[in-house]
Protein backbone atom coordinates (compact mmCIF):
# COMPACT_ATOMS: atom_id res chain seq x y z
CA MET A 1 0.27 0.01 -0.34
CA SER A 2 1.20 3.18 -1.17
CA SER A 3 1.73 5.91 1.96
CA THR A 4 -1.23 8.08 1.01
CA ASN A 5 -3.84 5.33 0.64
CA HIS A 6 -2.18 3.52 4.30
CA ASN A 7 -3.31 7.30 5.82
CA ALA A 8 -6.35 7.36 4.07
CA TYR A 9 -6.96 4.12 5.61
CA GLU A 10 -6.11 5.04 8.97
CA LYS A 11 -8.34 7.93 9.47
CA LEU A 12 -11.13 5.89 7.93
CA LEU A 13 -10.75 3.46 10.79
CA ALA A 14 -9.79 6.12 13.16
CA ALA A 15 -12.88 8.19 11.89
CA PRO A 16 -16.11 7.49 14.85
CA PRO A 17 -18.75 5.64 12.96
CA SER A 18 -21.25 7.74 10.73
CA ASN A 19 -24.76 8.06 11.88
CA TYR A 20 -26.85 6.77 9.38
CA GLU A 21 -29.93 8.22 10.75
CA ASP A 22 -28.77 11.35 9.59
CA ASP A 23 -28.39 10.61 6.03
CA LEU A 24 -31.67 9.43 5.59
CA PRO A 25 -34.96 11.49 4.48
CA ALA A 26 -36.97 13.18 6.71
CA PRO A 27 -40.27 11.20 7.73
CA VAL A 28 -43.45 11.97 5.46
CA ASP A 29 -45.98 13.17 7.96
CA LEU A 30 -49.06 11.27 6.42
CA GLU A 31 -52.59 12.31 7.48
CA PHE A 32 -55.13 8.82 7.94
CA ASP A 33 -57.61 11.73 8.39
CA THR A 34 -58.49 12.39 4.71
CA GLN A 35 -62.27 11.99 4.06
CA ALA A 36 -63.41 10.29 0.62
CA GLN A 37 -65.97 11.57 -1.15
CA TRP A 38 -69.42 10.43 -1.75
CA SER A 39 -69.91 8.84 -4.94
CA SER A 40 -72.98 10.75 -5.63
CA GLY A 41 -74.56 13.53 -4.74
CA LEU A 42 -77.78 13.99 -2.53
CA SER A 43 -79.73 14.89 -5.34
CA ASN A 44 -78.69 12.37 -7.57
CA CYS A 45 -81.82 10.48 -6.67
CA CYS A 46 -83.03 9.55 -10.13
CA SER A 47 -80.44 8.20 -11.82
CA ASN A 48 -81.38 4.75 -10.28
CA VAL A 49 -84.88 5.19 -11.41
CA PRO A 50 -86.15 1.72 -9.78
CA LEU A 51 -84.21 2.47 -6.73
CA CYS A 52 -85.95 6.14 -6.53
CA CYS A 53 -89.14 5.01 -6.90
CA ILE A 54 -88.78 1.82 -4.16
CA THR A 55 -87.76 4.57 -2.10
CA CYS A 56 -90.36 7.27 -3.03
CA TRP A 57 -93.14 4.91 -2.08
CA CYS A 58 -91.77 2.35 0.90
CA PRO A 59 -88.60 3.79 2.43
CA CYS A 60 -88.69 0.89 4.81
CA VAL A 61 -87.20 -1.59 2.33
CA THR A 62 -84.35 0.60 1.46
CA PHE A 63 -83.29 0.96 4.48
CA GLY A 64 -83.48 -2.36 5.94
CA ARG A 65 -80.98 -3.30 2.62
CA ILE A 66 -78.83 -0.46 4.10
CA ALA A 67 -79.02 -1.64 7.61
CA GLU A 68 -78.02 -4.99 7.34
CA ALA A 69 -75.44 -3.72 4.74
CA VAL A 70 -73.53 -1.62 7.31
CA ASP A 71 -74.58 -4.10 10.06
CA ASP A 72 -72.48 -7.00 8.41
CA GLY A 73 -75.71 -9.01 8.44
CA LYS A 74 -75.77 -8.28 12.16
CA THR A 75 -79.46 -7.06 11.17
CA SER A 76 -81.59 -8.41 9.28
CA CYS A 77 -83.40 -6.50 6.51
CA VAL A 78 -86.97 -7.44 7.73
CA THR A 79 -85.71 -6.93 11.43
CA SER A 80 -84.40 -2.96 10.61
CA ALA A 81 -87.22 -2.04 8.04
CA THR A 82 -89.67 -2.78 10.25
CA ILE A 83 -88.14 -0.89 13.02
CA TYR A 84 -87.72 1.73 10.82
CA ALA A 85 -91.98 1.94 9.45
CA PHE A 86 -92.37 1.71 12.79
CA PHE A 87 -90.79 4.77 13.97
CA THR A 88 -91.84 7.13 10.51
CA TYR A 89 -95.53 5.83 9.95
CA ALA A 90 -96.24 5.80 14.12
CA THR A 91 -94.17 8.80 15.59
CA GLY A 92 -93.16 10.81 12.51
CA CYS A 93 -88.97 10.18 13.41
CA GLY A 94 -87.80 7.78 11.57
CA TRP A 95 -85.52 9.95 10.03
CA ILE A 96 -83.65 9.82 13.17
CA TYR A 97 -83.17 5.87 13.20
CA SER A 98 -82.21 6.30 9.66
CA LEU A 99 -79.74 9.04 10.70
CA THR A 100 -78.23 6.67 12.95
CA TYR A 101 -77.32 4.38 9.87
CA ARG A 102 -75.82 7.06 8.49
CA SER A 103 -73.38 8.49 10.52
CA LYS A 104 -71.93 4.89 10.88
CA LEU A 105 -72.20 4.26 6.94
CA ARG A 106 -70.06 7.87 6.75
CA LYS A 107 -67.52 6.40 9.53
CA GLN A 108 -67.20 3.06 7.85
CA TYR A 109 -65.83 4.69 4.26
CA MET A 110 -64.67 7.31 6.17
CA LEU A 111 -66.88 9.91 3.93
CA GLY A 112 -66.83 13.70 4.19
CA ALA A 113 -69.42 15.35 5.89
CA SER A 114 -70.75 16.65 9.53
CA ALA A 115 -72.78 15.46 12.03
CA PHE A 116 -74.94 18.50 10.97
CA GLN A 117 -75.54 17.69 7.45
CA ASP A 118 -76.04 14.24 7.79
CA CYS A 119 -78.93 15.51 10.24
CA LEU A 120 -80.38 17.86 7.90
CA ALA A 121 -80.25 15.32 5.10
CA HIS A 122 -81.94 13.43 7.00
CA PHE A 123 -84.52 15.38 8.29
CA CYS A 124 -84.98 17.57 5.20
CA CYS A 125 -84.50 15.15 2.27
CA GLU A 126 -84.68 11.70 3.68
CA ARG A 127 -85.72 9.17 0.83
CA CYS A 128 -82.43 11.38 -1.04
CA ALA A 129 -80.62 10.34 1.73
CA LEU A 130 -81.59 7.09 1.78
CA CYS A 131 -81.34 6.91 -1.95
CA GLN A 132 -77.85 8.30 -1.45
CA GLU A 133 -76.44 6.01 0.69
CA TYR A 134 -77.96 2.57 -1.32
CA ARG A 135 -76.02 4.10 -4.31
CA GLU A 136 -73.11 4.57 -2.36
CA LEU A 137 -73.14 0.89 -0.83
CA GLN A 138 -73.53 -0.68 -4.52
CA HIS A 139 -70.48 1.44 -5.43
CA ARG A 140 -68.53 0.10 -2.49
CA SER A 141 -69.67 -3.72 -3.30
CA VAL A 142 -68.16 -3.37 -6.88
CA ALA A 143 -64.96 -2.22 -5.37
CA ASP A 144 -65.21 -4.56 -2.37
CA ALA A 145 -66.11 -7.41 -4.54
CA GLY A 146 -63.35 -10.33 -3.85
CA GLU A 147 -64.50 -9.63 -0.29
CA LYS A 148 -67.38 -12.01 1.03
CA LYS A 149 -69.08 -11.60 4.10
CA ASP A 150 -70.58 -14.62 6.18
CA GLY A 151 -74.90 -13.85 6.05
CA VAL A 152 -74.31 -10.52 4.11
CA GLU A 153 -76.14 -10.21 0.70
CA VAL A 154 -74.55 -8.08 -1.25
CA VAL A 155 -76.00 -4.74 -2.44
CA PRO A 156 -77.39 -5.77 -6.18
CA MET A 157 -76.29 -3.51 -8.64
CA VAL A 158 -79.64 -2.58 -11.34
CA PRO A 159 -78.99 -2.57 -14.40
CA ASN A 160 -79.12 0.50 -16.59
CA GLY A 161 -82.71 0.94 -18.97
CA MET A 162 -84.93 -1.38 -19.63
CA THR A 163 -83.90 -4.93 -21.24
CA ARG A 164 -85.51 -8.34 -22.56
């Protein structure tokens, strides 16, 4: 070894070990509270005409399907629909019961909105809110098609237009 290489080698050995953590880039601060947007708007009720008609004349059916899907099958469609029908037609406060499921759906899929907006949607536009929730579940079931949950019927997709 030449003397210059030998001196460089001795300096390298004599130097304290470097702290490799100082050479790493700074950690990225990821925000996990990002909220997704609803797949459709509150006023898009008529984008799915059969759903709009069912929800308009018998909202308990749509609500029962929503409740069963949001609860992962722990509550049956018939049970939820019956409770909703009682609250709606006997007391006029079914919107409060359905509001709880909108909040569950929003938390489950981290959807943007506030509790106040949910309350307004269900108090003022109950049937539009139910249609929006059902469309959201349809949209999400397409995305989660590989994930099968025991005891839960996937929200059915209605084809666009009439077919024979």
